[in-house]
Amino acid sequence: VLFLALLLYYHSIVVTAADQALLDKICKLAQSYDFCLSTLRNDP
């Protein structure tokens, strides 16, 4: 149970980091990085 919980936790960190990295790459190309990032992050 502990191993599975840690595995799921680690997986969620990796997925979140990948999503954040993708958003970062996209928004760095926008005229307003902050507008882009807040717009995309604010959508669930």
ModelCIF file with pLDDT and N, C-alpha, C, O atoms, coordinates in Angstrom:
data_MODEL
#
_entry.id   MODEL 
#
_entity.id                         1 
_entity.type                       polymer 
_entity.pdbx_number_of_molecules   1 
#
_entity_poly.entity_id                      1 
_entity_poly.type                           'polypeptide(L)' 
_entity_poly.nstd_linkage                   no 
_entity_poly.nstd_monomer                   no 
_entity_poly.pdbx_seq_one_letter_code       VLFLALLLYYHSIVVTAADQALLDKICKLAQSYDFCLSTLRNDP 
_entity_poly.pdbx_seq_one_letter_code_can   VLFLALLLYYHSIVVTAADQALLDKICKLAQSYDFCLSTLRNDP 
_entity_poly.pdbx_strand_id                 A 
#
loop_
_entity_poly_seq.entity_id 
_entity_poly_seq.num 
_entity_poly_seq.mon_id 
_entity_poly_seq.hetero 
1 1  VAL n 
1 2  LEU n 
1 3  PHE n 
1 4  LEU n 
1 5  ALA n 
1 6  LEU n 
1 7  LEU n 
1 8  LEU n 
1 9  TYR n 
1 10 TYR n 
1 11 HIS n 
1 12 SER n 
1 13 ILE n 
1 14 VAL n 
1 15 VAL n 
1 16 THR n 
1 17 ALA n 
1 18 ALA n 
1 19 ASP n 
1 20 GLN n 
1 21 ALA n 
1 22 LEU n 
1 23 LEU n 
1 24 ASP n 
1 25 LYS n 
1 26 ILE n 
1 27 CYS n 
1 28 LYS n 
1 29 LEU n 
1 30 ALA n 
1 31 GLN n 
1 32 SER n 
1 33 TYR n 
1 34 ASP n 
1 35 PHE n 
1 36 CYS n 
1 37 LEU n 
1 38 SER n 
1 39 THR n 
1 40 LEU n 
1 41 ARG n 
1 42 ASN n 
1 43 ASP n 
1 44 PRO n 
#
_struct_asym.id          A 
_struct_asym.entity_id   1 
#
loop_
_ma_qa_metric.id 
_ma_qa_metric.mode 
_ma_qa_metric.name 
_ma_qa_metric.software_group_id 
_ma_qa_metric.type 
1 global pLDDT . pLDDT 
2 local  pLDDT . pLDDT 
#
_ma_qa_metric_global.metric_id      1 
_ma_qa_metric_global.metric_value   71.43 
_ma_qa_metric_global.model_id       1 
_ma_qa_metric_global.ordinal_id     1 
#
loop_
_ma_qa_metric_local.label_asym_id 
_ma_qa_metric_local.label_comp_id 
_ma_qa_metric_local.label_seq_id 
_ma_qa_metric_local.metric_id 
_ma_qa_metric_local.metric_value 
_ma_qa_metric_local.model_id 
_ma_qa_metric_local.ordinal_id 
A VAL 1  2 42.00 1 1  
A LEU 2  2 42.00 1 2  
A PHE 3  2 42.00 1 3  
A LEU 4  2 40.00 1 4  
A ALA 5  2 43.00 1 5  
A LEU 6  2 39.00 1 6  
A LEU 7  2 38.00 1 7  
A LEU 8  2 40.00 1 8  
A TYR 9  2 42.00 1 9  
A TYR 10 2 38.00 1 10 
A HIS 11 2 36.00 1 11 
A SER 12 2 35.00 1 12 
A ILE 13 2 31.00 1 13 
A VAL 14 2 32.00 1 14 
A VAL 15 2 33.00 1 15 
A THR 16 2 39.00 1 16 
A ALA 17 2 33.00 1 17 
A ALA 18 2 37.00 1 18 
A ASP 19 2 81.00 1 19 
A GLN 20 2 87.00 1 20 
A ALA 21 2 90.00 1 21 
A LEU 22 2 92.00 1 22 
A LEU 23 2 95.00 1 23 
A ASP 24 2 94.00 1 24 
A LYS 25 2 95.00 1 25 
A ILE 26 2 96.00 1 26 
A CYS 27 2 97.00 1 27 
A LYS 28 2 97.00 1 28 
A LEU 29 2 97.00 1 29 
A ALA 30 2 97.00 1 30 
A GLN 31 2 97.00 1 31 
A SER 32 2 97.00 1 32 
A TYR 33 2 98.00 1 33 
A ASP 34 2 98.00 1 34 
A PHE 35 2 98.00 1 35 
A CYS 36 2 97.00 1 36 
A LEU 37 2 96.00 1 37 
A SER 38 2 96.00 1 38 
A THR 39 2 97.00 1 39 
A LEU 40 2 96.00 1 40 
A ARG 41 2 93.00 1 41 
A ASN 42 2 94.00 1 42 
A ASP 43 2 94.00 1 43 
A PRO 44 2 92.00 1 44 
#
loop_
_atom_site.group_PDB 
_atom_site.id 
_atom_site.type_symbol 
_atom_site.label_atom_id 
_atom_site.label_alt_id 
_atom_site.label_comp_id 
_atom_site.label_asym_id 
_atom_site.label_entity_id 
_atom_site.label_seq_id 
_atom_site.pdbx_PDB_ins_code 
_atom_site.Cartn_x 
_atom_site.Cartn_y 
_atom_site.Cartn_z 
_atom_site.occupancy 
_atom_site.B_iso_or_equiv 
_atom_site.pdbx_formal_charge 
_atom_site.auth_seq_id 
_atom_site.auth_comp_id 
_atom_site.auth_asym_id 
_atom_site.auth_atom_id 
_atom_site.pdbx_PDB_model_num 
ATOM 1   N N  . VAL A 1 1  ? 0.838  -1.195 0.000   1.00 42.00 ? 1  VAL A N  1 
ATOM 2   C CA . VAL A 1 1  ? 0.000  0.000  0.000   1.00 42.00 ? 1  VAL A CA 1 
ATOM 3   C C  . VAL A 1 1  ? 0.875  1.248  0.000   1.00 42.00 ? 1  VAL A C  1 
ATOM 4   O O  . VAL A 1 1  ? 0.608  2.182  -0.756  1.00 42.00 ? 1  VAL A O  1 
ATOM 5   N N  . LEU A 1 2  ? 1.907  1.283  0.825   1.00 42.00 ? 2  LEU A N  1 
ATOM 6   C CA . LEU A 1 2  ? 2.821  2.415  0.884   1.00 42.00 ? 2  LEU A CA 1 
ATOM 7   C C  . LEU A 1 2  ? 3.537  2.587  -0.443  1.00 42.00 ? 2  LEU A C  1 
ATOM 8   O O  . LEU A 1 2  ? 3.674  3.707  -0.936  1.00 42.00 ? 2  LEU A O  1 
ATOM 9   N N  . PHE A 1 3  ? 3.993  1.493  -1.023  1.00 42.00 ? 3  PHE A N  1 
ATOM 10  C CA . PHE A 1 3  ? 4.677  1.549  -2.307  1.00 42.00 ? 3  PHE A CA 1 
ATOM 11  C C  . PHE A 1 3  ? 3.751  2.118  -3.384  1.00 42.00 ? 3  PHE A C  1 
ATOM 12  O O  . PHE A 1 3  ? 4.164  2.981  -4.159  1.00 42.00 ? 3  PHE A O  1 
ATOM 13  N N  . LEU A 1 4  ? 2.513  1.646  -3.439  1.00 40.00 ? 4  LEU A N  1 
ATOM 14  C CA . LEU A 1 4  ? 1.558  2.136  -4.433  1.00 40.00 ? 4  LEU A CA 1 
ATOM 15  C C  . LEU A 1 4  ? 1.235  3.613  -4.211  1.00 40.00 ? 4  LEU A C  1 
ATOM 16  O O  . LEU A 1 4  ? 1.121  4.382  -5.166  1.00 40.00 ? 4  LEU A O  1 
ATOM 17  N N  . ALA A 1 5  ? 1.091  3.996  -2.964  1.00 43.00 ? 5  ALA A N  1 
ATOM 18  C CA . ALA A 1 5  ? 0.821  5.401  -2.659  1.00 43.00 ? 5  ALA A CA 1 
ATOM 19  C C  . ALA A 1 5  ? 1.984  6.286  -3.108  1.00 43.00 ? 5  ALA A C  1 
ATOM 20  O O  . ALA A 1 5  ? 1.770  7.346  -3.695  1.00 43.00 ? 5  ALA A O  1 
ATOM 21  N N  . LEU A 1 6  ? 3.201  5.853  -2.834  1.00 39.00 ? 6  LEU A N  1 
ATOM 22  C CA . LEU A 1 6  ? 4.374  6.618  -3.261  1.00 39.00 ? 6  LEU A CA 1 
ATOM 23  C C  . LEU A 1 6  ? 4.485  6.660  -4.776  1.00 39.00 ? 6  LEU A C  1 
ATOM 24  O O  . LEU A 1 6  ? 4.842  7.688  -5.351  1.00 39.00 ? 6  LEU A O  1 
ATOM 25  N N  . LEU A 1 7  ? 4.179  5.546  -5.417  1.00 38.00 ? 7  LEU A N  1 
ATOM 26  C CA . LEU A 1 7  ? 4.221  5.492  -6.874  1.00 38.00 ? 7  LEU A CA 1 
ATOM 27  C C  . LEU A 1 7  ? 3.206  6.467  -7.472  1.00 38.00 ? 7  LEU A C  1 
ATOM 28  O O  . LEU A 1 7  ? 3.538  7.205  -8.400  1.00 38.00 ? 7  LEU A O  1 
ATOM 29  N N  . LEU A 1 8  ? 1.986  6.481  -6.961  1.00 40.00 ? 8  LEU A N  1 
ATOM 30  C CA . LEU A 1 8  ? 0.968  7.399  -7.449  1.00 40.00 ? 8  LEU A CA 1 
ATOM 31  C C  . LEU A 1 8  ? 1.368  8.856  -7.192  1.00 40.00 ? 8  LEU A C  1 
ATOM 32  O O  . LEU A 1 8  ? 1.176  9.719  -8.048  1.00 40.00 ? 8  LEU A O  1 
ATOM 33  N N  . TYR A 1 9  ? 1.917  9.116  -6.025  1.00 42.00 ? 9  TYR A N  1 
ATOM 34  C CA . TYR A 1 9  ? 2.363  10.466 -5.690  1.00 42.00 ? 9  TYR A CA 1 
ATOM 35  C C  . TYR A 1 9  ? 3.462  10.910 -6.645  1.00 42.00 ? 9  TYR A C  1 
ATOM 36  O O  . TYR A 1 9  ? 3.418  12.021 -7.173  1.00 42.00 ? 9  TYR A O  1 
ATOM 37  N N  . TYR A 1 10 ? 4.454  10.038 -6.870  1.00 38.00 ? 10 TYR A N  1 
ATOM 38  C CA . TYR A 1 10 ? 5.560  10.358 -7.775  1.00 38.00 ? 10 TYR A CA 1 
ATOM 39  C C  . TYR A 1 10 ? 5.025  10.601 -9.184  1.00 38.00 ? 10 TYR A C  1 
ATOM 40  O O  . TYR A 1 10 ? 5.443  11.545 -9.854  1.00 38.00 ? 10 TYR A O  1 
ATOM 41  N N  . HIS A 1 11 ? 4.097  9.748  -9.637  1.00 36.00 ? 11 HIS A N  1 
ATOM 42  C CA . HIS A 1 11 ? 3.524  9.902  -10.972 1.00 36.00 ? 11 HIS A CA 1 
ATOM 43  C C  . HIS A 1 11 ? 2.809  11.248 -11.095 1.00 36.00 ? 11 HIS A C  1 
ATOM 44  O O  . HIS A 1 11 ? 2.927  11.917 -12.121 1.00 36.00 ? 11 HIS A O  1 
ATOM 45  N N  . SER A 1 12 ? 2.075  11.648 -10.066 1.00 35.00 ? 12 SER A N  1 
ATOM 46  C CA . SER A 1 12 ? 1.362  12.924 -10.137 1.00 35.00 ? 12 SER A CA 1 
ATOM 47  C C  . SER A 1 12 ? 2.332  14.096 -10.184 1.00 35.00 ? 12 SER A C  1 
ATOM 48  O O  . SER A 1 12 ? 2.049  15.103 -10.833 1.00 35.00 ? 12 SER A O  1 
ATOM 49  N N  . ILE A 1 13 ? 3.465  13.984 -9.512  1.00 31.00 ? 13 ILE A N  1 
ATOM 50  C CA . ILE A 1 13 ? 4.473  15.040 -9.557  1.00 31.00 ? 13 ILE A CA 1 
ATOM 51  C C  . ILE A 1 13 ? 5.058  15.133 -10.960 1.00 31.00 ? 13 ILE A C  1 
ATOM 52  O O  . ILE A 1 13 ? 5.199  16.231 -11.497 1.00 31.00 ? 13 ILE A O  1 
ATOM 53  N N  . VAL A 1 14 ? 5.399  14.004 -11.554 1.00 32.00 ? 14 VAL A N  1 
ATOM 54  C CA . VAL A 1 14 ? 5.992  13.990 -12.885 1.00 32.00 ? 14 VAL A CA 1 
ATOM 55  C C  . VAL A 1 14 ? 5.018  14.552 -13.919 1.00 32.00 ? 14 VAL A C  1 
ATOM 56  O O  . VAL A 1 14 ? 5.416  15.347 -14.771 1.00 32.00 ? 14 VAL A O  1 
ATOM 57  N N  . VAL A 1 15 ? 3.740  14.146 -13.854 1.00 33.00 ? 15 VAL A N  1 
ATOM 58  C CA . VAL A 1 15 ? 2.741  14.632 -14.799 1.00 33.00 ? 15 VAL A CA 1 
ATOM 59  C C  . VAL A 1 15 ? 2.553  16.131 -14.636 1.00 33.00 ? 15 VAL A C  1 
ATOM 60  O O  . VAL A 1 15 ? 2.507  16.863 -15.625 1.00 33.00 ? 15 VAL A O  1 
ATOM 61  N N  . THR A 1 16 ? 2.444  16.595 -13.394 1.00 39.00 ? 16 THR A N  1 
ATOM 62  C CA . THR A 1 16 ? 2.277  18.017 -13.146 1.00 39.00 ? 16 THR A CA 1 
ATOM 63  C C  . THR A 1 16 ? 3.472  18.798 -13.671 1.00 39.00 ? 16 THR A C  1 
ATOM 64  O O  . THR A 1 16 ? 3.306  19.852 -14.283 1.00 39.00 ? 16 THR A O  1 
ATOM 65  N N  . ALA A 1 17 ? 4.668  18.292 -13.436 1.00 33.00 ? 17 ALA A N  1 
ATOM 66  C CA . ALA A 1 17 ? 5.864  18.984 -13.906 1.00 33.00 ? 17 ALA A CA 1 
ATOM 67  C C  . ALA A 1 17 ? 5.874  19.053 -15.425 1.00 33.00 ? 17 ALA A C  1 
ATOM 68  O O  . ALA A 1 17 ? 6.239  20.081 -15.996 1.00 33.00 ? 17 ALA A O  1 
ATOM 69  N N  . ALA A 1 18 ? 5.478  17.973 -16.082 1.00 37.00 ? 18 ALA A N  1 
ATOM 70  C CA . ALA A 1 18 ? 5.435  17.977 -17.541 1.00 37.00 ? 18 ALA A CA 1 
ATOM 71  C C  . ALA A 1 18 ? 4.394  18.983 -18.034 1.00 37.00 ? 18 ALA A C  1 
ATOM 72  O O  . ALA A 1 18 ? 4.645  19.712 -18.994 1.00 37.00 ? 18 ALA A O  1 
ATOM 73  N N  . ASP A 1 19 ? 3.231  19.025 -17.387 1.00 81.00 ? 19 ASP A N  1 
ATOM 74  C CA . ASP A 1 19 ? 2.199  19.975 -17.785 1.00 81.00 ? 19 ASP A CA 1 
ATOM 75  C C  . ASP A 1 19 ? 2.675  21.406 -17.593 1.00 81.00 ? 19 ASP A C  1 
ATOM 76  O O  . ASP A 1 19 ? 2.460  22.258 -18.456 1.00 81.00 ? 19 ASP A O  1 
ATOM 77  N N  . GLN A 1 20 ? 3.315  21.668 -16.477 1.00 87.00 ? 20 GLN A N  1 
ATOM 78  C CA . GLN A 1 20 ? 3.831  23.007 -16.212 1.00 87.00 ? 20 GLN A CA 1 
ATOM 79  C C  . GLN A 1 20 ? 4.907  23.385 -17.224 1.00 87.00 ? 20 GLN A C  1 
ATOM 80  O O  . GLN A 1 20 ? 4.968  24.527 -17.678 1.00 87.00 ? 20 GLN A O  1 
ATOM 81  N N  . ALA A 1 21 ? 5.750  22.425 -17.572 1.00 90.00 ? 21 ALA A N  1 
ATOM 82  C CA . ALA A 1 21 ? 6.800  22.693 -18.555 1.00 90.00 ? 21 ALA A CA 1 
ATOM 83  C C  . ALA A 1 21 ? 6.184  23.028 -19.916 1.00 90.00 ? 21 ALA A C  1 
ATOM 84  O O  . ALA A 1 21 ? 6.654  23.933 -20.606 1.00 90.00 ? 21 ALA A O  1 
ATOM 85  N N  . LEU A 1 22 ? 5.143  22.306 -20.297 1.00 92.00 ? 22 LEU A N  1 
ATOM 86  C CA . LEU A 1 22 ? 4.470  22.571 -21.567 1.00 92.00 ? 22 LEU A CA 1 
ATOM 87  C C  . LEU A 1 22 ? 3.817  23.954 -21.550 1.00 92.00 ? 22 LEU A C  1 
ATOM 88  O O  . LEU A 1 22 ? 3.954  24.713 -22.509 1.00 92.00 ? 22 LEU A O  1 
ATOM 89  N N  . LEU A 1 23 ? 3.116  24.281 -20.480 1.00 95.00 ? 23 LEU A N  1 
ATOM 90  C CA . LEU A 1 23 ? 2.502  25.604 -20.371 1.00 95.00 ? 23 LEU A CA 1 
ATOM 91  C C  . LEU A 1 23 ? 3.558  26.696 -20.418 1.00 95.00 ? 23 LEU A C  1 
ATOM 92  O O  . LEU A 1 23 ? 3.363  27.741 -21.040 1.00 95.00 ? 23 LEU A O  1 
ATOM 93  N N  . ASP A 1 24 ? 4.665  26.445 -19.761 1.00 94.00 ? 24 ASP A N  1 
ATOM 94  C CA . ASP A 1 24 ? 5.758  27.410 -19.750 1.00 94.00 ? 24 ASP A CA 1 
ATOM 95  C C  . ASP A 1 24 ? 6.293  27.635 -21.167 1.00 94.00 ? 24 ASP A C  1 
ATOM 96  O O  . ASP A 1 24 ? 6.512  28.777 -21.573 1.00 94.00 ? 24 ASP A O  1 
ATOM 97  N N  . LYS A 1 25 ? 6.499  26.565 -21.908 1.00 95.00 ? 25 LYS A N  1 
ATOM 98  C CA . LYS A 1 25 ? 6.987  26.681 -23.293 1.00 95.00 ? 25 LYS A CA 1 
ATOM 99  C C  . LYS A 1 25 ? 6.004  27.452 -24.159 1.00 95.00 ? 25 LYS A C  1 
ATOM 100 O O  . LYS A 1 25 ? 6.396  28.313 -24.946 1.00 95.00 ? 25 LYS A O  1 
ATOM 101 N N  . ILE A 1 26 ? 4.737  27.138 -24.010 1.00 96.00 ? 26 ILE A N  1 
ATOM 102 C CA . ILE A 1 26 ? 3.713  27.817 -24.800 1.00 96.00 ? 26 ILE A CA 1 
ATOM 103 C C  . ILE A 1 26 ? 3.663  29.296 -24.450 1.00 96.00 ? 26 ILE A C  1 
ATOM 104 O O  . ILE A 1 26 ? 3.697  30.150 -25.336 1.00 96.00 ? 26 ILE A O  1 
ATOM 105 N N  . CYS A 1 27 ? 3.582  29.593 -23.177 1.00 97.00 ? 27 CYS A N  1 
ATOM 106 C CA . CYS A 1 27 ? 3.381  30.976 -22.741 1.00 97.00 ? 27 CYS A CA 1 
ATOM 107 C C  . CYS A 1 27 ? 4.605  31.860 -22.931 1.00 97.00 ? 27 CYS A C  1 
ATOM 108 O O  . CYS A 1 27 ? 4.476  33.081 -23.021 1.00 97.00 ? 27 CYS A O  1 
ATOM 109 N N  . LYS A 1 28 ? 5.781  31.267 -22.993 1.00 97.00 ? 28 LYS A N  1 
ATOM 110 C CA . LYS A 1 28 ? 6.980  32.066 -23.281 1.00 97.00 ? 28 LYS A CA 1 
ATOM 111 C C  . LYS A 1 28 ? 6.949  32.648 -24.686 1.00 97.00 ? 28 LYS A C  1 
ATOM 112 O O  . LYS A 1 28 ? 7.650  33.618 -24.972 1.00 97.00 ? 28 LYS A O  1 
ATOM 113 N N  . LEU A 1 29 ? 6.145  32.066 -25.558 1.00 97.00 ? 29 LEU A N  1 
ATOM 114 C CA . LEU A 1 29 ? 6.027  32.566 -26.921 1.00 97.00 ? 29 LEU A CA 1 
ATOM 115 C C  . LEU A 1 29 ? 4.945  33.634 -27.065 1.00 97.00 ? 29 LEU A C  1 
ATOM 116 O O  . LEU A 1 29 ? 4.860  34.293 -28.102 1.00 97.00 ? 29 LEU A O  1 
ATOM 117 N N  . ALA A 1 30 ? 4.129  33.807 -26.047 1.00 97.00 ? 30 ALA A N  1 
ATOM 118 C CA . ALA A 1 30 ? 3.041  34.790 -26.097 1.00 97.00 ? 30 ALA A CA 1 
ATOM 119 C C  . ALA A 1 30 ? 3.570  36.186 -25.782 1.00 97.00 ? 30 ALA A C  1 
ATOM 120 O O  . ALA A 1 30 ? 4.597  36.340 -25.121 1.00 97.00 ? 30 ALA A O  1 
ATOM 121 N N  . GLN A 1 31 ? 2.858  37.191 -26.263 1.00 97.00 ? 31 GLN A N  1 
ATOM 122 C CA . GLN A 1 31 ? 3.250  38.570 -25.958 1.00 97.00 ? 31 GLN A CA 1 
ATOM 123 C C  . GLN A 1 31 ? 3.197  38.840 -24.461 1.00 97.00 ? 31 GLN A C  1 
ATOM 124 O O  . GLN A 1 31 ? 4.032  39.565 -23.920 1.00 97.00 ? 31 GLN A O  1 
ATOM 125 N N  . SER A 1 32 ? 2.206  38.247 -23.795 1.00 97.00 ? 32 SER A N  1 
ATOM 126 C CA . SER A 1 32 ? 2.106  38.396 -22.345 1.00 97.00 ? 32 SER A CA 1 
ATOM 127 C C  . SER A 1 32 ? 2.155  37.018 -21.694 1.00 97.00 ? 32 SER A C  1 
ATOM 128 O O  . SER A 1 32 ? 1.163  36.290 -21.663 1.00 97.00 ? 32 SER A O  1 
ATOM 129 N N  . TYR A 1 33 ? 3.309  36.686 -21.187 1.00 98.00 ? 33 TYR A N  1 
ATOM 130 C CA . TYR A 1 33 ? 3.511  35.398 -20.512 1.00 98.00 ? 33 TYR A CA 1 
ATOM 131 C C  . TYR A 1 33 ? 2.518  35.232 -19.372 1.00 98.00 ? 33 TYR A C  1 
ATOM 132 O O  . TYR A 1 33 ? 1.892  34.181 -19.237 1.00 98.00 ? 33 TYR A O  1 
ATOM 133 N N  . ASP A 1 34 ? 2.372  36.268 -18.553 1.00 98.00 ? 34 ASP A N  1 
ATOM 134 C CA . ASP A 1 34 ? 1.494  36.187 -17.379 1.00 98.00 ? 34 ASP A CA 1 
ATOM 135 C C  . ASP A 1 34 ? 0.030  35.993 -17.779 1.00 98.00 ? 34 ASP A C  1 
ATOM 136 O O  . ASP A 1 34 ? -0.678 35.194 -17.167 1.00 98.00 ? 34 ASP A O  1 
ATOM 137 N N  . PHE A 1 35 ? -0.422 36.717 -18.797 1.00 98.00 ? 35 PHE A N  1 
ATOM 138 C CA . PHE A 1 35 ? -1.803 36.566 -19.261 1.00 98.00 ? 35 PHE A CA 1 
ATOM 139 C C  . PHE A 1 35 ? -2.031 35.144 -19.764 1.00 98.00 ? 35 PHE A C  1 
ATOM 140 O O  . PHE A 1 35 ? -3.029 34.513 -19.418 1.00 98.00 ? 35 PHE A O  1 
ATOM 141 N N  . CYS A 1 36 ? -1.122 34.650 -20.567 1.00 97.00 ? 36 CYS A N  1 
ATOM 142 C CA . CYS A 1 36 ? -1.235 33.302 -21.119 1.00 97.00 ? 36 CYS A CA 1 
ATOM 143 C C  . CYS A 1 36 ? -1.285 32.262 -20.008 1.00 97.00 ? 36 CYS A C  1 
ATOM 144 O O  . CYS A 1 36 ? -2.171 31.408 -19.983 1.00 97.00 ? 36 CYS A O  1 
ATOM 145 N N  . LEU A 1 37 ? -0.335 32.341 -19.098 1.00 96.00 ? 37 LEU A N  1 
ATOM 146 C CA . LEU A 1 37 ? -0.249 31.345 -18.033 1.00 96.00 ? 37 LEU A CA 1 
ATOM 147 C C  . LEU A 1 37 ? -1.483 31.383 -17.125 1.00 96.00 ? 37 LEU A C  1 
ATOM 148 O O  . LEU A 1 37 ? -2.035 30.338 -16.777 1.00 96.00 ? 37 LEU A O  1 
ATOM 149 N N  . SER A 1 38 ? -1.908 32.582 -16.746 1.00 96.00 ? 38 SER A N  1 
ATOM 150 C CA . SER A 1 38 ? -3.082 32.665 -15.861 1.00 96.00 ? 38 SER A CA 1 
ATOM 151 C C  . SER A 1 38 ? -4.347 32.209 -16.584 1.00 96.00 ? 38 SER A C  1 
ATOM 152 O O  . SER A 1 38 ? -5.215 31.586 -15.973 1.00 96.00 ? 38 SER A O  1 
ATOM 153 N N  . THR A 1 39 ? -4.459 32.511 -17.866 1.00 97.00 ? 39 THR A N  1 
ATOM 154 C CA . THR A 1 39 ? -5.624 32.087 -18.640 1.00 97.00 ? 39 THR A CA 1 
ATOM 155 C C  . THR A 1 39 ? -5.715 30.564 -18.679 1.00 97.00 ? 39 THR A C  1 
ATOM 156 O O  . THR A 1 39 ? -6.772 29.992 -18.414 1.00 97.00 ? 39 THR A O  1 
ATOM 157 N N  . LEU A 1 40 ? -4.613 29.919 -19.008 1.00 96.00 ? 40 LEU A N  1 
ATOM 158 C CA . LEU A 1 40 ? -4.634 28.456 -19.115 1.00 96.00 ? 40 LEU A CA 1 
ATOM 159 C C  . LEU A 1 40 ? -4.734 27.785 -17.751 1.00 96.00 ? 40 LEU A C  1 
ATOM 160 O O  . LEU A 1 40 ? -5.458 26.801 -17.595 1.00 96.00 ? 40 LEU A O  1 
ATOM 161 N N  . ARG A 1 41 ? -4.018 28.305 -16.768 1.00 93.00 ? 41 ARG A N  1 
ATOM 162 C CA . ARG A 1 41 ? -4.060 27.702 -15.423 1.00 93.00 ? 41 ARG A CA 1 
ATOM 163 C C  . ARG A 1 41 ? -5.421 27.850 -14.760 1.00 93.00 ? 41 ARG A C  1 
ATOM 164 O O  . ARG A 1 41 ? -5.831 26.989 -13.982 1.00 93.00 ? 41 ARG A O  1 
ATOM 165 N N  . ASN A 1 42 ? -6.123 28.935 -15.063 1.00 94.00 ? 42 ASN A N  1 
ATOM 166 C CA . ASN A 1 42 ? -7.408 29.181 -14.420 1.00 94.00 ? 42 ASN A CA 1 
ATOM 167 C C  . ASN A 1 42 ? -8.520 28.288 -14.959 1.00 94.00 ? 42 ASN A C  1 
ATOM 168 O O  . ASN A 1 42 ? -9.603 28.228 -14.377 1.00 94.00 ? 42 ASN A O  1 
ATOM 169 N N  . ASP A 1 43 ? -8.265 27.604 -16.051 1.00 94.00 ? 43 ASP A N  1 
ATOM 170 C CA . ASP A 1 43 ? -9.271 26.692 -16.569 1.00 94.00 ? 43 ASP A CA 1 
ATOM 171 C C  . ASP A 1 43 ? -9.007 25.311 -15.994 1.00 94.00 ? 43 ASP A C  1 
ATOM 172 O O  . ASP A 1 43 ? -7.922 24.764 -16.194 1.00 94.00 ? 43 ASP A O  1 
ATOM 173 N N  . PRO A 1 44 ? -9.972 24.732 -15.282 1.00 92.00 ? 44 PRO A N  1 
ATOM 174 C CA . PRO A 1 44 ? -9.736 23.441 -14.621 1.00 92.00 ? 44 PRO A CA 1 
ATOM 175 C C  . PRO A 1 44 ? -9.454 22.293 -15.583 1.00 92.00 ? 44 PRO A C  1 
ATOM 176 O O  . PRO A 1 44 ? -9.241 21.161 -15.149 1.00 92.00 ? 44 PRO A O  1 
#
